[in-house]
Amino acid sequence: VQLQASGGGLVQPGGSLRLSCAASEIIRSYNVMGWYRQTPEKRRDLVASITSGDSTYYADSVKGRFTISRDNAKNTVYLQMNSLKPEDTGVYYCKNRDYGRDVTSWGQGTQVTVSS
């Protein structure tokens, strides 16, 4: 499956952005979609994830500010980011882990910059 990420941009502290990750096909088996933020050391840290059963996970740093959701009709997962802080800045990647087919797919990154 191919993933297309979008929605990044420049926003002031306290602002909001919504990232989208569209999959090229319907994934019928159990899968987990996650959003990752790349650190300056090029490590990709998990920010939030959602399973095909709609169970969610959030990193402590974003709890209460970010919301991950999915629209199965559009094969799309969203990351609503509110109350953004400068430390949220980075390149955000979406990843899908399809446990049925044992396949991991990454989307291209989308840059989020939080700055005044």
C-alpha atoms as a PDB file:
ATOM      1  CA  VAL A   1       0.000   0.000   0.000  1.00  0.00           C
ATOM      2  CA  GLN A   2       1.201   3.525  -0.755  1.00  0.00           C
ATOM      3  CA  LEU A   3       0.681   6.313   1.759  1.00  0.00           C
ATOM      4  CA  GLN A   4       0.345   9.999   0.874  1.00  0.00           C
ATOM      5  CA  ALA A   5       0.884  12.444   3.732  1.00  0.00           C
ATOM      6  CA  SER A   6      -0.160  16.080   3.613  1.00  0.00           C
ATOM      7  CA  GLY A   7      -1.177  19.033   5.752  1.00  0.00           C
ATOM      8  CA  GLY A   8       2.075  20.316   7.179  1.00  0.00           C
ATOM      9  CA  GLY A   9       3.014  23.971   7.268  1.00  0.00           C
ATOM     10  CA  LEU A  10       4.137  26.930   9.321  1.00  0.00           C
ATOM     11  CA  VAL A  11       2.016  27.901  12.300  1.00  0.00           C
ATOM     12  CA  GLN A  12       2.439  30.143  15.320  1.00  0.00           C
ATOM     13  CA  PRO A  13       2.623  28.696  18.823  1.00  0.00           C
ATOM     14  CA  GLY A  14      -0.871  27.903  20.042  1.00  0.00           C
ATOM     15  CA  GLY A  15      -2.124  27.303  16.531  1.00  0.00           C
ATOM     16  CA  SER A  16      -3.527  24.187  14.885  1.00  0.00           C
ATOM     17  CA  LEU A  17      -2.835  21.958  11.919  1.00  0.00           C
ATOM     18  CA  ARG A  18      -4.430  18.796  10.586  1.00  0.00           C
ATOM     19  CA  LEU A  19      -2.278  16.178   8.918  1.00  0.00           C
ATOM     20  CA  SER A  20      -3.756  13.613   6.552  1.00  0.00           C
ATOM     21  CA  CYS A  21      -2.419  10.250   5.451  1.00  0.00           C
ATOM     22  CA  ALA A  22      -4.282   8.649   2.557  1.00  0.00           C
ATOM     23  CA  ALA A  23      -3.772   4.992   1.720  1.00  0.00           C
ATOM     24  CA  SER A  24      -3.882   3.849  -1.903  1.00  0.00           C
ATOM     25  CA  GLU A  25      -6.070   0.847  -1.101  1.00  0.00           C
ATOM     26  CA  ILE A  26      -8.385  -0.551   1.509  1.00  0.00           C
ATOM     27  CA  ILE A  27      -6.561  -2.541   4.162  1.00  0.00           C
ATOM     28  CA  ARG A  28      -8.903  -5.255   5.349  1.00  0.00           C
ATOM     29  CA  SER A  29      -6.659  -7.056   7.785  1.00  0.00           C
ATOM     30  CA  TYR A  30      -5.725  -5.882  11.278  1.00  0.00           C
ATOM     31  CA  ASN A  31      -3.469  -2.872  10.952  1.00  0.00           C
ATOM     32  CA  VAL A  32      -2.063   0.028  12.918  1.00  0.00           C
ATOM     33  CA  MET A  33      -1.539   3.486  11.454  1.00  0.00           C
ATOM     34  CA  GLY A  34       0.873   5.779  13.220  1.00  0.00           C
ATOM     35  CA  TRP A  35       2.285   9.270  12.985  1.00  0.00           C
ATOM     36  CA  TYR A  36       5.973   9.722  13.744  1.00  0.00           C
ATOM     37  CA  ARG A  37       8.085  12.826  14.218  1.00  0.00           C
ATOM     38  CA  GLN A  38      11.688  12.789  13.068  1.00  0.00           C
ATOM     39  CA  THR A  39      14.207  14.113  15.561  1.00  0.00           C
ATOM     40  CA  PRO A  40      17.382  16.069  14.641  1.00  0.00           C
ATOM     41  CA  GLU A  41      19.218  12.767  15.163  1.00  0.00           C
ATOM     42  CA  LYS A  42      17.016  11.265  12.405  1.00  0.00           C
ATOM     43  CA  ARG A  43      15.192   9.001  14.821  1.00  0.00           C
ATOM     44  CA  ARG A  44      11.444   8.663  14.212  1.00  0.00           C
ATOM     45  CA  ASP A  45       9.517   8.875  17.448  1.00  0.00           C
ATOM     46  CA  LEU A  46       5.927   7.678  17.647  1.00  0.00           C
ATOM     47  CA  VAL A  47       3.521  10.535  18.281  1.00  0.00           C
ATOM     48  CA  ALA A  48       0.141   8.790  17.961  1.00  0.00           C
ATOM     49  CA  SER A  49      -1.327   5.629  16.526  1.00  0.00           C
ATOM     50  CA  ILE A  50      -4.706   4.084  15.825  1.00  0.00           C
ATOM     51  CA  THR A  51      -5.629   0.474  15.189  1.00  0.00           C
ATOM     52  CA  SER A  52      -8.178  -0.830  12.722  1.00  0.00           C
ATOM     53  CA  GLY A  53     -10.348  -1.344  15.801  1.00  0.00           C
ATOM     54  CA  ASP A  54      -9.990   2.367  16.684  1.00  0.00           C
ATOM     55  CA  SER A  55      -7.805   1.898  19.743  1.00  0.00           C
ATOM     56  CA  THR A  56      -5.516   4.881  20.097  1.00  0.00           C
ATOM     57  CA  TYR A  57      -2.157   5.680  21.644  1.00  0.00           C
ATOM     58  CA  TYR A  58      -0.567   9.066  22.302  1.00  0.00           C
ATOM     59  CA  ALA A  59       2.901  10.029  23.403  1.00  0.00           C
ATOM     60  CA  ASP A  60       2.835  11.845  26.737  1.00  0.00           C
ATOM     61  CA  SER A  61       4.076  15.046  25.108  1.00  0.00           C
ATOM     62  CA  VAL A  62       0.949  15.359  22.922  1.00  0.00           C
ATOM     63  CA  LYS A  63      -1.815  13.976  25.146  1.00  0.00           C
ATOM     64  CA  GLY A  64      -4.711  16.385  25.369  1.00  0.00           C
ATOM     65  CA  ARG A  65      -3.496  18.371  22.360  1.00  0.00           C
ATOM     66  CA  PHE A  66      -3.427  15.914  19.447  1.00  0.00           C
ATOM     67  CA  THR A  67      -6.193  13.649  18.217  1.00  0.00           C
ATOM     68  CA  ILE A  68      -5.770  10.792  15.766  1.00  0.00           C
ATOM     69  CA  SER A  69      -8.758   9.492  13.828  1.00  0.00           C
ATOM     70  CA  ARG A  70      -9.524   7.494  10.715  1.00  0.00           C
ATOM     71  CA  ASP A  71     -12.106   7.649   7.947  1.00  0.00           C
ATOM     72  CA  ASN A  72     -12.355   4.145   6.543  1.00  0.00           C
ATOM     73  CA  ALA A  73     -14.533   5.269   3.628  1.00  0.00           C
ATOM     74  CA  LYS A  74     -11.666   7.493   2.466  1.00  0.00           C
ATOM     75  CA  ASN A  75      -8.824   5.170   3.531  1.00  0.00           C
ATOM     76  CA  THR A  76      -7.432   8.162   5.399  1.00  0.00           C
ATOM     77  CA  VAL A  77      -6.033   8.776   8.866  1.00  0.00           C
ATOM     78  CA  TYR A  78      -5.899  12.255  10.354  1.00  0.00           C
ATOM     79  CA  LEU A  79      -3.823  13.878  13.070  1.00  0.00           C
ATOM     80  CA  GLN A  80      -5.463  16.976  14.483  1.00  0.00           C
ATOM     81  CA  MET A  81      -2.814  19.022  16.256  1.00  0.00           C
ATOM     82  CA  ASN A  82      -3.967  21.805  18.567  1.00  0.00           C
ATOM     83  CA  SER A  83      -2.129  24.110  20.962  1.00  0.00           C
ATOM     84  CA  LEU A  84       1.038  23.574  18.986  1.00  0.00           C
ATOM     85  CA  LYS A  85       4.378  24.259  20.622  1.00  0.00           C
ATOM     86  CA  PRO A  86       7.799  24.975  19.090  1.00  0.00           C
ATOM     87  CA  GLU A  87       8.954  21.551  20.252  1.00  0.00           C
ATOM     88  CA  ASP A  88       6.338  19.965  17.978  1.00  0.00           C
ATOM     89  CA  THR A  89       8.405  21.144  15.027  1.00  0.00           C
ATOM     90  CA  GLY A  90       9.719  18.412  12.767  1.00  0.00           C
ATOM     91  CA  VAL A  91       9.055  16.230   9.769  1.00  0.00           C
ATOM     92  CA  TYR A  92       6.023  14.035  10.367  1.00  0.00           C
ATOM     93  CA  TYR A  93       5.722  10.628   8.738  1.00  0.00           C
ATOM     94  CA  CYS A  94       2.779   8.249   8.642  1.00  0.00           C
ATOM     95  CA  LYS A  95       3.313   4.532   8.805  1.00  0.00           C
ATOM     96  CA  ASN A  96       1.008   1.585   8.344  1.00  0.00           C
ATOM     97  CA  ARG A  97       1.719  -1.830   9.796  1.00  0.00           C
ATOM     98  CA  ASP A  98      -0.475  -4.463   8.125  1.00  0.00           C
ATOM     99  CA  TYR A  99      -0.299  -7.493  10.394  1.00  0.00           C
ATOM    100  CA  GLY A 100      -2.365  -9.670   8.070  1.00  0.00           C
ATOM    101  CA  ARG A 101       0.043  -9.334   5.158  1.00  0.00           C
ATOM    102  CA  ASP A 102       3.091  -8.621   7.335  1.00  0.00           C
ATOM    103  CA  VAL A 103       3.806  -5.401   5.448  1.00  0.00           C
ATOM    104  CA  THR A 104       5.050  -2.042   6.723  1.00  0.00           C
ATOM    105  CA  SER A 105       4.553   1.059   4.604  1.00  0.00           C
ATOM    106  CA  TRP A 106       5.801   4.607   5.122  1.00  0.00           C
ATOM    107  CA  GLY A 107       4.491   7.794   3.605  1.00  0.00           C
ATOM    108  CA  GLN A 108       6.690  10.686   2.604  1.00  0.00           C
ATOM    109  CA  GLY A 109       7.283  13.272   5.308  1.00  0.00           C
ATOM    110  CA  THR A 110       5.419  16.494   5.779  1.00  0.00           C
ATOM    111  CA  GLN A 111       7.126  19.422   7.508  1.00  0.00           C
ATOM    112  CA  VAL A 112       5.518  21.035  10.542  1.00  0.00           C
ATOM    113  CA  THR A 113       7.114  24.233  11.809  1.00  0.00           C
ATOM    114  CA  VAL A 114       5.834  25.978  14.926  1.00  0.00           C
ATOM    115  CA  SER A 115       7.400  29.385  15.231  1.00  0.00           C
ATOM    116  CA  SER A 116       6.493  32.987  15.870  1.00  0.00           C
END
